[in-house]
Full PDB file with SEQRES, HELIX, SHEET, SSBOND, CRYST1, ORIGX, SCALE, CONECT and MASTER records, all heavy atoms in Angstrom:
SEQRES   1 A   33  ARG ASP ASN ALA LYS ASN THR VAL ILE LEU GLN MET GLU          
SEQRES   2 A   33  SER LEU LYS ALA GLU ASP THR GLY VAL TYR PHE CYS ASN          
SEQRES   3 A   33  ALA LYS VAL THR SER THR SER                                  
HELIX    1 AA1 ASN A    3  LYS A    5  5                                   3    
HELIX    2 AA2 ALA A   17  ASP A   19  5                                   3    
CRYST1    1.000    1.000    1.000  90.00  90.00  90.00 P 1           1          
ORIGX1      1.000000  0.000000  0.000000        0.00000                         
ORIGX2      0.000000  1.000000  0.000000        0.00000                         
ORIGX3      0.000000  0.000000  1.000000        0.00000                         
SCALE1      1.000000  0.000000  0.000000        0.00000                         
SCALE2      0.000000  1.000000  0.000000        0.00000                         
SCALE3      0.000000  0.000000  1.000000        0.00000                         
ATOM      1  N   ARG A   1      63.594  31.030  -4.117  1.00  0.00           N  
ATOM      2  CA  ARG A   1      63.091  31.376  -5.420  1.00  0.00           C  
ATOM      3  C   ARG A   1      64.044  30.727  -6.483  1.00  0.00           C  
ATOM      4  O   ARG A   1      65.218  30.741  -6.377  1.00  0.00           O  
ATOM      5  CB  ARG A   1      63.053  32.878  -5.604  1.00  0.00           C  
ATOM      6  CG  ARG A   1      62.705  33.410  -6.988  1.00  0.00           C  
ATOM      7  CD  ARG A   1      62.591  34.875  -6.986  1.00  0.00           C  
ATOM      8  NE  ARG A   1      62.284  35.453  -8.300  1.00  0.00           N  
ATOM      9  CZ  ARG A   1      62.033  36.745  -8.553  1.00  0.00           C  
ATOM     10  NH1 ARG A   1      62.124  37.589  -7.569  1.00  0.00           N  
ATOM     11  NH2 ARG A   1      61.743  37.186  -9.788  1.00  0.00           N  
ATOM     12  N   ASP A   2      63.387  30.240  -7.446  1.00  0.00           N  
ATOM     13  CA  ASP A   2      64.000  29.717  -8.733  1.00  0.00           C  
ATOM     14  C   ASP A   2      63.752  30.752  -9.786  1.00  0.00           C  
ATOM     15  O   ASP A   2      62.594  30.689 -10.364  1.00  0.00           O  
ATOM     16  CB  ASP A   2      63.588  28.312  -9.070  1.00  0.00           C  
ATOM     17  CG  ASP A   2      64.278  27.731 -10.242  1.00  0.00           C  
ATOM     18  OD1 ASP A   2      64.848  28.479 -11.033  1.00  0.00           O  
ATOM     19  OD2 ASP A   2      64.306  26.527 -10.339  1.00  0.00           O  
ATOM     20  N   ASN A   3      64.655  31.650 -10.029  1.00  0.00           N  
ATOM     21  CA  ASN A   3      64.377  32.690 -10.963  1.00  0.00           C  
ATOM     22  C   ASN A   3      64.091  32.218 -12.402  1.00  0.00           C  
ATOM     23  O   ASN A   3      63.269  32.747 -13.128  1.00  0.00           O  
ATOM     24  CB  ASN A   3      65.575  33.689 -11.012  1.00  0.00           C  
ATOM     25  CG  ASN A   3      65.636  34.496  -9.736  1.00  0.00           C  
ATOM     26  OD1 ASN A   3      64.679  34.868  -9.171  1.00  0.00           O  
ATOM     27  ND2 ASN A   3      66.858  34.781  -9.377  1.00  0.00           N  
ATOM     28  N   ALA A   4      64.828  31.203 -12.787  1.00  0.00           N  
ATOM     29  CA  ALA A   4      64.631  30.654 -14.159  1.00  0.00           C  
ATOM     30  C   ALA A   4      63.254  30.104 -14.393  1.00  0.00           C  
ATOM     31  O   ALA A   4      62.687  30.196 -15.487  1.00  0.00           O  
ATOM     32  CB  ALA A   4      65.720  29.572 -14.439  1.00  0.00           C  
ATOM     33  N   LYS A   5      62.691  29.539 -13.380  1.00  0.00           N  
ATOM     34  CA  LYS A   5      61.352  28.896 -13.541  1.00  0.00           C  
ATOM     35  C   LYS A   5      60.246  29.696 -12.861  1.00  0.00           C  
ATOM     36  O   LYS A   5      59.121  29.260 -12.855  1.00  0.00           O  
ATOM     37  CB  LYS A   5      61.371  27.528 -12.865  1.00  0.00           C  
ATOM     38  CG  LYS A   5      62.319  26.545 -13.561  1.00  0.00           C  
ATOM     39  CD  LYS A   5      62.279  25.178 -12.936  1.00  0.00           C  
ATOM     40  CE  LYS A   5      63.217  24.204 -13.686  1.00  0.00           C  
ATOM     41  NZ  LYS A   5      63.216  22.825 -13.093  1.00  0.00           N  
ATOM     42  N   ASN A   6      60.629  30.869 -12.350  1.00  0.00           N  
ATOM     43  CA  ASN A   6      59.594  31.780 -11.682  1.00  0.00           C  
ATOM     44  C   ASN A   6      58.785  30.974 -10.631  1.00  0.00           C  
ATOM     45  O   ASN A   6      57.550  31.042 -10.628  1.00  0.00           O  
ATOM     46  CB  ASN A   6      58.637  32.413 -12.742  1.00  0.00           C  
ATOM     47  CG  ASN A   6      59.397  33.397 -13.576  1.00  0.00           C  
ATOM     48  OD1 ASN A   6      59.992  34.351 -13.056  1.00  0.00           O  
ATOM     49  ND2 ASN A   6      59.342  33.297 -14.929  1.00  0.00           N  
ATOM     50  N   THR A   7      59.517  30.303  -9.799  1.00  0.00           N  
ATOM     51  CA  THR A   7      58.855  29.521  -8.742  1.00  0.00           C  
ATOM     52  C   THR A   7      59.386  30.050  -7.376  1.00  0.00           C  
ATOM     53  O   THR A   7      60.527  30.306  -7.196  1.00  0.00           O  
ATOM     54  CB  THR A   7      59.295  28.042  -8.878  1.00  0.00           C  
ATOM     55  OG1 THR A   7      58.845  27.542 -10.157  1.00  0.00           O  
ATOM     56  CG2 THR A   7      58.718  27.223  -7.768  1.00  0.00           C  
ATOM     57  N   VAL A   8      58.452  30.111  -6.474  1.00  0.00           N  
ATOM     58  CA  VAL A   8      58.810  30.581  -5.137  1.00  0.00           C  
ATOM     59  C   VAL A   8      58.294  29.507  -4.143  1.00  0.00           C  
ATOM     60  O   VAL A   8      57.148  29.015  -4.281  1.00  0.00           O  
ATOM     61  CB  VAL A   8      58.212  31.948  -4.799  1.00  0.00           C  
ATOM     62  CG1 VAL A   8      56.738  31.941  -4.884  1.00  0.00           C  
ATOM     63  CG2 VAL A   8      58.697  32.426  -3.476  1.00  0.00           C  
ATOM     64  N   ILE A   9      59.143  29.212  -3.130  1.00  0.00           N  
ATOM     65  CA  ILE A   9      58.828  28.237  -2.072  1.00  0.00           C  
ATOM     66  C   ILE A   9      58.776  28.960  -0.751  1.00  0.00           C  
ATOM     67  O   ILE A   9      59.618  29.767  -0.462  1.00  0.00           O  
ATOM     68  CB  ILE A   9      59.872  27.140  -2.055  1.00  0.00           C  
ATOM     69  CG1 ILE A   9      59.999  26.404  -3.441  1.00  0.00           C  
ATOM     70  CG2 ILE A   9      59.525  26.107  -0.994  1.00  0.00           C  
ATOM     71  CD1 ILE A   9      58.741  25.657  -3.861  1.00  0.00           C  
ATOM     72  N   LEU A  10      57.791  28.542   0.038  1.00  0.00           N  
ATOM     73  CA  LEU A  10      57.694  29.021   1.433  1.00  0.00           C  
ATOM     74  C   LEU A  10      57.787  27.868   2.336  1.00  0.00           C  
ATOM     75  O   LEU A  10      56.808  27.074   2.378  1.00  0.00           O  
ATOM     76  CB  LEU A  10      56.468  29.852   1.704  1.00  0.00           C  
ATOM     77  CG  LEU A  10      56.363  30.416   3.068  1.00  0.00           C  
ATOM     78  CD1 LEU A  10      57.402  31.546   3.283  1.00  0.00           C  
ATOM     79  CD2 LEU A  10      54.934  31.035   3.291  1.00  0.00           C  
ATOM     80  N   GLN A  11      58.888  27.711   3.047  1.00  0.00           N  
ATOM     81  CA  GLN A  11      59.036  26.682   3.976  1.00  0.00           C  
ATOM     82  C   GLN A  11      58.641  27.136   5.373  1.00  0.00           C  
ATOM     83  O   GLN A  11      59.198  28.084   5.905  1.00  0.00           O  
ATOM     84  CB  GLN A  11      60.502  26.162   4.060  1.00  0.00           C  
ATOM     85  CG  GLN A  11      61.064  25.666   2.724  1.00  0.00           C  
ATOM     86  CD  GLN A  11      62.503  25.307   2.832  1.00  0.00           C  
ATOM     87  OE1 GLN A  11      62.889  24.318   3.497  1.00  0.00           O  
ATOM     88  NE2 GLN A  11      63.340  26.047   2.122  1.00  0.00           N  
ATOM     89  N   MET A  12      57.607  26.519   5.945  1.00  0.00           N  
ATOM     90  CA  MET A  12      57.058  26.974   7.230  1.00  0.00           C  
ATOM     91  C   MET A  12      57.288  25.908   8.270  1.00  0.00           C  
ATOM     92  O   MET A  12      56.775  24.809   8.108  1.00  0.00           O  
ATOM     93  CB  MET A  12      55.578  27.275   7.080  1.00  0.00           C  
ATOM     94  CG  MET A  12      55.211  28.253   5.929  1.00  0.00           C  
ATOM     95  SD  MET A  12      53.446  28.702   5.887  1.00  0.00           S  
ATOM     96  CE  MET A  12      52.746  27.098   5.371  1.00  0.00           C  
ATOM     97  N   GLU A  13      57.983  26.350   9.348  1.00  0.00           N  
ATOM     98  CA  GLU A  13      58.295  25.402  10.387  1.00  0.00           C  
ATOM     99  C   GLU A  13      57.760  26.045  11.725  1.00  0.00           C  
ATOM    100  O   GLU A  13      57.424  27.209  11.837  1.00  0.00           O  
ATOM    101  CB  GLU A  13      59.795  25.219  10.465  1.00  0.00           C  
ATOM    102  CG  GLU A  13      60.423  24.620   9.216  1.00  0.00           C  
ATOM    103  CD  GLU A  13      61.920  24.463   9.339  1.00  0.00           C  
ATOM    104  OE1 GLU A  13      62.491  24.936  10.337  1.00  0.00           O  
ATOM    105  OE2 GLU A  13      62.461  23.871   8.425  1.00  0.00           O  
ATOM    106  N   SER A  14      57.620  25.141  12.695  1.00  0.00           N  
ATOM    107  CA  SER A  14      57.131  25.547  13.993  1.00  0.00           C  
ATOM    108  C   SER A  14      55.857  26.321  13.860  1.00  0.00           C  
ATOM    109  O   SER A  14      55.740  27.453  14.452  1.00  0.00           O  
ATOM    110  CB  SER A  14      58.215  26.363  14.739  1.00  0.00           C  
ATOM    111  OG  SER A  14      59.388  25.539  14.899  1.00  0.00           O  
ATOM    112  N   LEU A  15      54.912  25.858  13.097  1.00  0.00           N  
ATOM    113  CA  LEU A  15      53.649  26.577  12.861  1.00  0.00           C  
ATOM    114  C   LEU A  15      52.864  26.783  14.090  1.00  0.00           C  
ATOM    115  O   LEU A  15      52.835  25.985  15.038  1.00  0.00           O  
ATOM    116  CB  LEU A  15      52.837  25.811  11.811  1.00  0.00           C  
ATOM    117  CG  LEU A  15      53.350  25.984  10.348  1.00  0.00           C  
ATOM    118  CD1 LEU A  15      52.767  24.896   9.535  1.00  0.00           C  
ATOM    119  CD2 LEU A  15      52.970  27.377   9.807  1.00  0.00           C  
ATOM    120  N   LYS A  16      52.274  27.915  14.161  1.00  0.00           N  
ATOM    121  CA  LYS A  16      51.390  28.341  15.216  1.00  0.00           C  
ATOM    122  C   LYS A  16      49.954  28.534  14.769  1.00  0.00           C  
ATOM    123  O   LYS A  16      49.725  28.791  13.603  1.00  0.00           O  
ATOM    124  CB  LYS A  16      51.936  29.641  15.873  1.00  0.00           C  
ATOM    125  CG  LYS A  16      53.380  29.587  16.328  1.00  0.00           C  
ATOM    126  CD  LYS A  16      53.832  30.963  16.820  1.00  0.00           C  
ATOM    127  CE  LYS A  16      55.249  31.044  17.244  1.00  0.00           C  
ATOM    128  NZ  LYS A  16      55.732  32.273  17.697  1.00  0.00           N  
ATOM    129  N   ALA A  17      48.990  28.562  15.704  1.00  0.00           N  
ATOM    130  CA  ALA A  17      47.653  28.761  15.337  1.00  0.00           C  
ATOM    131  C   ALA A  17      47.482  30.128  14.624  1.00  0.00           C  
ATOM    132  O   ALA A  17      46.605  30.306  13.788  1.00  0.00           O  
ATOM    133  CB  ALA A  17      46.808  28.696  16.579  1.00  0.00           C  
ATOM    134  N   GLU A  18      48.265  31.149  15.065  1.00  0.00           N  
ATOM    135  CA  GLU A  18      48.167  32.413  14.482  1.00  0.00           C  
ATOM    136  C   GLU A  18      48.567  32.462  12.963  1.00  0.00           C  
ATOM    137  O   GLU A  18      48.353  33.445  12.309  1.00  0.00           O  
ATOM    138  CB  GLU A  18      49.025  33.460  15.258  1.00  0.00           C  
ATOM    139  CG  GLU A  18      50.495  33.194  15.185  1.00  0.00           C  
ATOM    140  CD  GLU A  18      51.311  34.052  16.110  1.00  0.00           C  
ATOM    141  OE1 GLU A  18      50.843  34.238  17.255  1.00  0.00           O  
ATOM    142  OE2 GLU A  18      52.314  34.695  15.647  1.00  0.00           O  
ATOM    143  N   ASP A  19      49.227  31.391  12.507  1.00  0.00           N  
ATOM    144  CA  ASP A  19      49.576  31.305  11.101  1.00  0.00           C  
ATOM    145  C   ASP A  19      48.466  30.910  10.177  1.00  0.00           C  
ATOM    146  O   ASP A  19      48.593  30.928   9.006  1.00  0.00           O  
ATOM    147  CB  ASP A  19      50.778  30.350  10.957  1.00  0.00           C  
ATOM    148  CG  ASP A  19      52.009  30.779  11.644  1.00  0.00           C  
ATOM    149  OD1 ASP A  19      52.336  31.994  11.570  1.00  0.00           O  
ATOM    150  OD2 ASP A  19      52.737  29.924  12.290  1.00  0.00           O  
ATOM    151  N   THR A  20      47.359  30.543  10.791  1.00  0.00           N  
ATOM    152  CA  THR A  20      46.183  30.147  10.007  1.00  0.00           C  
ATOM    153  C   THR A  20      45.669  31.267   9.105  1.00  0.00           C  
ATOM    154  O   THR A  20      45.619  32.415   9.512  1.00  0.00           O  
ATOM    155  CB  THR A  20      45.072  29.684  10.944  1.00  0.00           C  
ATOM    156  OG1 THR A  20      45.475  28.515  11.663  1.00  0.00           O  
ATOM    157  CG2 THR A  20      43.773  29.399  10.238  1.00  0.00           C  
ATOM    158  N   GLY A  21      45.374  30.927   7.884  1.00  0.00           N  
ATOM    159  CA  GLY A  21      44.876  31.789   6.907  1.00  0.00           C  
ATOM    160  C   GLY A  21      44.962  31.359   5.536  1.00  0.00           C  
ATOM    161  O   GLY A  21      45.446  30.249   5.304  1.00  0.00           O  
ATOM    162  N   VAL A  22      44.449  32.194   4.621  1.00  0.00           N  
ATOM    163  CA  VAL A  22      44.604  31.831   3.207  1.00  0.00           C  
ATOM    164  C   VAL A  22      45.867  32.515   2.694  1.00  0.00           C  
ATOM    165  O   VAL A  22      46.099  33.673   2.901  1.00  0.00           O  
ATOM    166  CB  VAL A  22      43.420  32.361   2.379  1.00  0.00           C  
ATOM    167  CG1 VAL A  22      43.616  32.015   0.888  1.00  0.00           C  
ATOM    168  CG2 VAL A  22      42.143  31.718   2.879  1.00  0.00           C  
ATOM    169  N   TYR A  23      46.785  31.683   2.132  1.00  0.00           N  
ATOM    170  CA  TYR A  23      48.066  32.178   1.646  1.00  0.00           C  
ATOM    171  C   TYR A  23      47.999  32.378   0.167  1.00  0.00           C  
ATOM    172  O   TYR A  23      47.652  31.517  -0.586  1.00  0.00           O  
ATOM    173  CB  TYR A  23      49.137  31.197   1.996  1.00  0.00           C  
ATOM    174  CG  TYR A  23      49.591  31.249   3.471  1.00  0.00           C  
ATOM    175  CD1 TYR A  23      48.694  30.854   4.500  1.00  0.00           C  
ATOM    176  CD2 TYR A  23      50.827  31.702   3.815  1.00  0.00           C  
ATOM    177  CE1 TYR A  23      49.065  30.933   5.779  1.00  0.00           C  
ATOM    178  CE2 TYR A  23      51.175  31.798   5.140  1.00  0.00           C  
ATOM    179  CZ  TYR A  23      50.308  31.371   6.167  1.00  0.00           C  
ATOM    180  OH  TYR A  23      50.647  31.460   7.506  1.00  0.00           O  
ATOM    181  N   PHE A  24      48.449  33.582  -0.280  1.00  0.00           N  
ATOM    182  CA  PHE A  24      48.405  33.959  -1.681  1.00  0.00           C  
ATOM    183  C   PHE A  24      49.793  34.216  -2.160  1.00  0.00           C  
ATOM    184  O   PHE A  24      50.636  34.880  -1.475  1.00  0.00           O  
ATOM    185  CB  PHE A  24      47.537  35.282  -1.836  1.00  0.00           C  
ATOM    186  CG  PHE A  24      46.126  35.180  -1.425  1.00  0.00           C  
ATOM    187  CD1 PHE A  24      45.742  35.470  -0.167  1.00  0.00           C  
ATOM    188  CD2 PHE A  24      45.190  34.800  -2.381  1.00  0.00           C  
ATOM    189  CE1 PHE A  24      44.368  35.359   0.208  1.00  0.00           C  
ATOM    190  CE2 PHE A  24      43.832  34.734  -2.015  1.00  0.00           C  
ATOM    191  CZ  PHE A  24      43.450  34.990  -0.776  1.00  0.00           C  
ATOM    192  N   CYS A  25      50.077  33.699  -3.331  1.00  0.00           N  
ATOM    193  CA  CYS A  25      51.318  33.997  -3.968  1.00  0.00           C  
ATOM    194  C   CYS A  25      51.173  35.228  -4.856  1.00  0.00           C  
ATOM    195  O   CYS A  25      50.136  35.470  -5.461  1.00  0.00           O  
ATOM    196  CB  CYS A  25      51.705  32.810  -4.907  1.00  0.00           C  
ATOM    197  SG  CYS A  25      53.292  32.919  -5.690  1.00  0.00           S  
ATOM    198  N   ASN A  26      52.260  36.001  -4.880  1.00  0.00           N  
ATOM    199  CA  ASN A  26      52.257  37.273  -5.651  1.00  0.00           C  
ATOM    200  C   ASN A  26      53.543  37.420  -6.435  1.00  0.00           C  
ATOM    201  O   ASN A  26      54.631  37.037  -5.889  1.00  0.00           O  
ATOM    202  CB  ASN A  26      52.038  38.496  -4.689  1.00  0.00           C  
ATOM    203  CG  ASN A  26      52.178  39.789  -5.393  1.00  0.00           C  
ATOM    204  OD1 ASN A  26      53.217  40.423  -5.421  1.00  0.00           O  
ATOM    205  ND2 ASN A  26      51.093  40.251  -5.995  1.00  0.00           N  
ATOM    206  N   ALA A  27      53.459  37.973  -7.582  1.00  0.00           N  
ATOM    207  CA  ALA A  27      54.678  38.226  -8.391  1.00  0.00           C  
ATOM    208  C   ALA A  27      54.579  39.645  -8.956  1.00  0.00           C  
ATOM    209  O   ALA A  27      53.589  39.930  -9.614  1.00  0.00           O  
ATOM    210  CB  ALA A  27      54.764  37.178  -9.571  1.00  0.00           C  
ATOM    211  N   LYS A  28      55.581  40.415  -8.721  1.00  0.00           N  
ATOM    212  CA  LYS A  28      55.682  41.777  -9.145  1.00  0.00           C  
ATOM    213  C   LYS A  28      56.714  41.927 -10.267  1.00  0.00           C  
ATOM    214  O   LYS A  28      57.789  41.399 -10.130  1.00  0.00           O  
ATOM    215  CB  LYS A  28      55.971  42.740  -7.998  1.00  0.00           C  
ATOM    216  CG  LYS A  28      54.913  42.831  -6.943  1.00  0.00           C  
ATOM    217  CD  LYS A  28      55.331  43.845  -5.873  1.00  0.00           C  
ATOM    218  CE  LYS A  28      54.261  44.036  -4.800  1.00  0.00           C  
ATOM    219  NZ  LYS A  28      54.629  45.027  -3.816  1.00  0.00           N  
ATOM    220  N   VAL A  29      56.376  42.730 -11.224  1.00  0.00           N  
ATOM    221  CA  VAL A  29      57.376  43.028 -12.303  1.00  0.00           C  
ATOM    222  C   VAL A  29      58.130  44.376 -11.907  1.00  0.00           C  
ATOM    223  O   VAL A  29      59.227  44.490 -12.501  1.00  0.00           O  
ATOM    224  CB  VAL A  29      56.710  43.201 -13.696  1.00  0.00           C  
ATOM    225  CG1 VAL A  29      56.032  41.889 -14.062  1.00  0.00           C  
ATOM    226  CG2 VAL A  29      55.603  44.303 -13.617  1.00  0.00           C  
ATOM    227  N   THR A  30      57.649  45.179 -11.091  1.00  0.00           N  
ATOM    228  CA  THR A  30      58.364  46.342 -10.624  1.00  0.00           C  
ATOM    229  C   THR A  30      58.114  46.455  -9.107  1.00  0.00           C  
ATOM    230  O   THR A  30      57.288  45.805  -8.496  1.00  0.00           O  
ATOM    231  CB  THR A  30      57.922  47.621 -11.265  1.00  0.00           C  
ATOM    232  OG1 THR A  30      56.558  47.980 -10.856  1.00  0.00           O  
ATOM    233  CG2 THR A  30      57.874  47.460 -12.841  1.00  0.00           C  
ATOM    234  N   SER A  31      58.841  47.408  -8.488  1.00  0.00           N  
ATOM    235  CA  SER A  31      58.727  47.588  -7.062  1.00  0.00           C  
ATOM    236  C   SER A  31      57.415  48.210  -6.611  1.00  0.00           C  
ATOM    237  O   SER A  31      57.028  48.079  -5.389  1.00  0.00           O  
ATOM    238  CB  SER A  31      59.870  48.464  -6.570  1.00  0.00           C  
ATOM    239  OG  SER A  31      59.822  49.786  -7.092  1.00  0.00           O  
ATOM    240  N   THR A  32      56.692  48.821  -7.521  1.00  0.00           N  
ATOM    241  CA  THR A  32      55.434  49.525  -7.172  1.00  0.00           C  
ATOM    242  C   THR A  32      54.207  48.891  -7.740  1.00  0.00           C  
ATOM    243  O   THR A  32      53.075  49.276  -7.440  1.00  0.00           O  
ATOM    244  CB  THR A  32      55.458  50.949  -7.525  1.00  0.00           C  
ATOM    245  OG1 THR A  32      55.702  51.071  -8.986  1.00  0.00           O  
ATOM    246  CG2 THR A  32      56.618  51.716  -6.867  1.00  0.00           C  
ATOM    247  N   SER A  33      54.321  47.879  -8.623  1.00  0.00           N  
ATOM    248  CA  SER A  33      53.132  47.236  -9.194  1.00  0.00           C  
ATOM    249  C   SER A  33      52.451  46.390  -8.210  1.00  0.00           C  
ATOM    250  O   SER A  33      53.010  45.835  -7.226  1.00  0.00           O  
ATOM    251  CB  SER A  33      53.617  46.473 -10.377  1.00  0.00           C  
ATOM    252  OG  SER A  33      54.281  45.325 -10.029  1.00  0.00           O  
TER     253      SER A  33                                                      
MASTER        0    0    0    2    0    0    0    6  252    1    0    3          
END                                                                             
């Protein structure tokens, strides 16, 4: 994560067929939101 730019990166290695899906990014302002 780059906090200053509110950017998050997911590095995925050794991918498997079970990793298939739609990936969604999420950003929370509190722990419960």
